[in-house]
């Protein structure tokens, strides 16, 4: 959740700064500003999803090999 919020906040700050620098017409005419804005948001979402998947991936793999020592080690952080 924190990477998503960080991506949204950085996109908002970027939007405010570019609006102050280029004005409304400058922001609307430059395509790279929209690309950077959405890129910041998507980067936060991708990092959030990747960290969520990576947190429980070792637990799932240890359950597949039926190793109790690995399961006890890795599944402590996973909320399943």
N, C-alpha and C. Protein backbone atom coordinates (compact mmCIF):
# COMPACT_ATOMS: atom_id res chain seq x y z
N UNK A 1 0.81 -1.19 0.00
CA UNK A 1 0.00 0.00 0.00
C UNK A 1 0.86 1.26 0.00
N UNK A 2 1.98 1.21 0.69
CA UNK A 2 2.85 2.38 0.76
C UNK A 2 3.44 2.73 -0.61
N UNK A 3 3.91 1.76 -1.42
CA UNK A 3 4.42 2.15 -2.74
C UNK A 3 3.35 2.78 -3.63
N UNK A 4 2.11 2.33 -3.51
CA UNK A 4 1.03 2.91 -4.31
C UNK A 4 0.78 4.36 -3.88
N UNK A 5 0.75 4.59 -2.58
CA UNK A 5 0.57 5.95 -2.09
C UNK A 5 1.75 6.84 -2.47
N UNK A 6 2.96 6.28 -2.42
CA UNK A 6 4.13 7.05 -2.82
C UNK A 6 4.06 7.41 -4.30
N UNK A 7 3.62 6.47 -5.14
CA UNK A 7 3.46 6.75 -6.57
C UNK A 7 2.42 7.83 -6.82
N UNK A 8 1.30 7.76 -6.11
CA UNK A 8 0.25 8.78 -6.27
C UNK A 8 0.72 10.15 -5.79
N UNK A 9 1.40 10.18 -4.66
CA UNK A 9 1.89 11.46 -4.14
C UNK A 9 2.95 12.07 -5.06
N UNK A 10 3.87 11.25 -5.56
CA UNK A 10 4.90 11.78 -6.45
C UNK A 10 4.29 12.26 -7.77
N UNK A 11 3.25 11.56 -8.26
CA UNK A 11 2.57 12.02 -9.48
C UNK A 11 1.85 13.34 -9.22
N UNK A 12 1.25 13.49 -8.05
CA UNK A 12 0.58 14.74 -7.72
C UNK A 12 1.57 15.90 -7.62
N UNK A 13 2.69 15.66 -6.96
CA UNK A 13 3.71 16.70 -6.84
C UNK A 13 4.28 17.05 -8.21
N UNK A 14 4.54 16.04 -9.04
CA UNK A 14 5.02 16.27 -10.39
C UNK A 14 4.02 17.10 -11.19
N UNK A 15 2.74 16.79 -11.05
CA UNK A 15 1.70 17.53 -11.77
C UNK A 15 1.66 18.99 -11.34
N UNK A 16 1.77 19.24 -10.06
CA UNK A 16 1.75 20.61 -9.56
C UNK A 16 2.96 21.39 -10.04
N UNK A 17 4.13 20.76 -9.97
CA UNK A 17 5.36 21.45 -10.40
C UNK A 17 5.34 21.74 -11.90
N UNK A 18 4.91 20.78 -12.72
CA UNK A 18 4.86 21.04 -14.16
C UNK A 18 3.82 22.08 -14.50
N UNK A 19 2.71 22.11 -13.78
CA UNK A 19 1.71 23.15 -14.01
C UNK A 19 2.28 24.52 -13.68
N UNK A 20 3.04 24.61 -12.59
CA UNK A 20 3.63 25.89 -12.21
C UNK A 20 4.71 26.31 -13.21
N UNK A 21 5.43 25.34 -13.78
CA UNK A 21 6.51 25.69 -14.72
C UNK A 21 6.00 26.01 -16.13
N UNK A 22 5.07 25.21 -16.64
CA UNK A 22 4.65 25.33 -18.03
C UNK A 22 3.28 25.98 -18.21
N UNK A 23 2.50 26.07 -17.18
CA UNK A 23 1.15 26.61 -17.31
C UNK A 23 0.21 25.57 -17.88
N UNK A 24 -1.06 25.92 -17.96
CA UNK A 24 -2.07 24.98 -18.41
C UNK A 24 -1.87 24.58 -19.87
N UNK A 25 -1.59 25.55 -20.72
CA UNK A 25 -1.41 25.25 -22.14
C UNK A 25 -0.16 24.41 -22.37
N UNK A 26 0.90 24.70 -21.67
CA UNK A 26 2.13 23.91 -21.81
C UNK A 26 1.97 22.48 -21.36
N UNK A 27 1.20 22.29 -20.29
CA UNK A 27 0.96 20.93 -19.79
C UNK A 27 0.11 20.14 -20.78
N UNK A 28 -0.86 20.79 -21.38
CA UNK A 28 -1.76 20.09 -22.30
C UNK A 28 -1.10 19.78 -23.63
N UNK A 29 -0.09 20.55 -24.03
CA UNK A 29 0.55 20.34 -25.33
C UNK A 29 1.72 19.37 -25.30
N UNK A 30 2.27 19.13 -24.15
CA UNK A 30 3.44 18.24 -24.06
C UNK A 30 3.00 16.83 -23.65
N UNK A 31 3.27 15.87 -24.52
CA UNK A 31 2.85 14.49 -24.27
C UNK A 31 3.69 13.81 -23.19
N UNK A 32 4.94 14.21 -23.05
CA UNK A 32 5.80 13.53 -22.10
C UNK A 32 5.34 13.75 -20.65
N UNK A 33 4.65 14.85 -20.40
CA UNK A 33 4.17 15.11 -19.04
C UNK A 33 3.13 14.08 -18.63
N UNK A 34 2.21 13.75 -19.54
CA UNK A 34 1.22 12.71 -19.25
C UNK A 34 1.88 11.35 -19.07
N UNK A 35 2.88 11.08 -19.88
CA UNK A 35 3.57 9.79 -19.78
C UNK A 35 4.30 9.65 -18.46
N UNK A 36 4.95 10.70 -18.02
CA UNK A 36 5.66 10.64 -16.73
C UNK A 36 4.65 10.55 -15.58
N UNK A 37 3.56 11.29 -15.67
CA UNK A 37 2.52 11.26 -14.63
C UNK A 37 1.98 9.84 -14.45
N UNK A 38 1.54 9.21 -15.53
CA UNK A 38 1.00 7.85 -15.44
C UNK A 38 2.09 6.84 -15.14
N UNK A 39 3.32 7.11 -15.59
CA UNK A 39 4.43 6.22 -15.27
C UNK A 39 4.72 6.18 -13.78
N UNK A 40 4.63 7.32 -13.11
CA UNK A 40 4.84 7.35 -11.66
C UNK A 40 3.76 6.56 -10.93
N UNK A 41 2.53 6.70 -11.36
CA UNK A 41 1.44 5.95 -10.73
C UNK A 41 1.61 4.45 -10.97
N UNK A 42 1.87 4.07 -12.21
CA UNK A 42 2.02 2.65 -12.53
C UNK A 42 3.24 2.02 -11.86
N UNK A 43 4.30 2.79 -11.70
CA UNK A 43 5.47 2.28 -11.00
C UNK A 43 5.14 1.95 -9.55
N UNK A 44 4.39 2.81 -8.89
CA UNK A 44 3.96 2.53 -7.52
C UNK A 44 3.08 1.30 -7.43
N UNK A 45 2.17 1.13 -8.40
CA UNK A 45 1.29 -0.04 -8.40
C UNK A 45 2.10 -1.32 -8.64
N UNK A 46 3.02 -1.28 -9.60
CA UNK A 46 3.83 -2.47 -9.91
C UNK A 46 4.70 -2.87 -8.72
N UNK A 47 5.31 -1.90 -8.07
CA UNK A 47 6.15 -2.20 -6.90
C UNK A 47 5.29 -2.77 -5.78
N UNK A 48 4.10 -2.23 -5.57
CA UNK A 48 3.20 -2.75 -4.54
C UNK A 48 2.77 -4.18 -4.82
N UNK A 49 2.42 -4.47 -6.06
CA UNK A 49 2.01 -5.83 -6.42
C UNK A 49 3.18 -6.79 -6.31
N UNK A 50 4.35 -6.37 -6.79
CA UNK A 50 5.53 -7.25 -6.73
C UNK A 50 5.92 -7.55 -5.29
N UNK A 51 5.86 -6.57 -4.42
CA UNK A 51 6.23 -6.83 -3.02
C UNK A 51 5.20 -7.73 -2.34
N UNK A 52 3.94 -7.61 -2.71
CA UNK A 52 2.91 -8.49 -2.14
C UNK A 52 3.11 -9.93 -2.59
N UNK A 53 3.39 -10.10 -3.87
CA UNK A 53 3.62 -11.45 -4.39
C UNK A 53 4.90 -12.04 -3.79
N UNK A 54 5.96 -11.26 -3.72
CA UNK A 54 7.24 -11.77 -3.23
C UNK A 54 7.19 -12.12 -1.76
N UNK A 55 6.32 -11.45 -0.99
CA UNK A 55 6.24 -11.73 0.45
C UNK A 55 5.72 -13.14 0.70
N UNK A 56 4.79 -13.63 -0.11
CA UNK A 56 4.19 -14.94 0.12
C UNK A 56 4.72 -16.03 -0.82
N UNK A 57 5.52 -15.67 -1.79
CA UNK A 57 6.04 -16.67 -2.73
C UNK A 57 6.93 -17.71 -2.05
N UNK A 58 7.90 -17.34 -1.21
CA UNK A 58 8.70 -18.37 -0.54
C UNK A 58 7.86 -19.31 0.33
N UNK A 59 6.81 -18.79 0.96
CA UNK A 59 5.94 -19.63 1.78
C UNK A 59 5.23 -20.66 0.90
N UNK A 60 4.71 -20.24 -0.23
CA UNK A 60 4.01 -21.17 -1.12
C UNK A 60 4.96 -22.23 -1.67
N UNK A 61 6.19 -21.83 -2.00
CA UNK A 61 7.17 -22.80 -2.51
C UNK A 61 7.57 -23.81 -1.44
N UNK A 62 7.71 -23.35 -0.20
CA UNK A 62 8.08 -24.28 0.87
C UNK A 62 6.95 -25.25 1.17
N UNK A 63 5.70 -24.83 0.99
CA UNK A 63 4.57 -25.75 1.17
C UNK A 63 4.53 -26.79 0.06
N UNK A 64 4.98 -26.42 -1.14
CA UNK A 64 4.99 -27.36 -2.25
C UNK A 64 5.99 -28.49 -2.05
N UNK A 65 7.13 -28.18 -1.42
CA UNK A 65 8.14 -29.21 -1.21
C UNK A 65 7.93 -29.95 0.11
N UNK A 66 6.93 -29.55 0.88
CA UNK A 66 6.55 -30.20 2.14
C UNK A 66 7.71 -30.26 3.14
N UNK A 67 8.43 -29.16 3.25
CA UNK A 67 9.52 -29.06 4.20
C UNK A 67 9.04 -28.21 5.37
N UNK A 68 8.88 -28.81 6.53
CA UNK A 68 8.33 -28.09 7.68
C UNK A 68 9.27 -27.00 8.20
N UNK A 69 10.59 -27.23 8.10
CA UNK A 69 11.54 -26.21 8.56
C UNK A 69 11.44 -24.96 7.71
N UNK A 70 11.39 -25.13 6.39
CA UNK A 70 11.25 -23.98 5.50
C UNK A 70 9.90 -23.30 5.68
N UNK A 71 8.86 -24.09 5.87
CA UNK A 71 7.52 -23.52 6.05
C UNK A 71 7.47 -22.68 7.32
N UNK A 72 8.06 -23.16 8.40
CA UNK A 72 8.08 -22.38 9.64
C UNK A 72 8.90 -21.11 9.49
N UNK A 73 9.97 -21.19 8.72
CA UNK A 73 10.83 -20.01 8.53
C UNK A 73 10.16 -18.96 7.67
N UNK A 74 9.61 -19.36 6.54
CA UNK A 74 9.11 -18.41 5.55
C UNK A 74 7.67 -17.97 5.79
N UNK A 75 6.86 -18.77 6.41
CA UNK A 75 5.42 -18.45 6.51
C UNK A 75 5.09 -17.61 7.73
N UNK A 76 6.07 -17.21 8.51
CA UNK A 76 5.80 -16.35 9.64
C UNK A 76 5.35 -14.96 9.22
N UNK A 77 5.90 -14.45 8.10
CA UNK A 77 5.54 -13.12 7.62
C UNK A 77 4.33 -13.13 6.71
N UNK A 78 3.98 -14.29 6.19
CA UNK A 78 2.85 -14.40 5.27
C UNK A 78 1.55 -14.53 6.05
N UNK A 79 0.57 -13.75 5.71
CA UNK A 79 -0.69 -13.75 6.43
C UNK A 79 -1.70 -14.68 5.79
N UNK A 80 -1.44 -15.98 5.83
CA UNK A 80 -2.36 -16.94 5.25
C UNK A 80 -2.77 -17.96 6.27
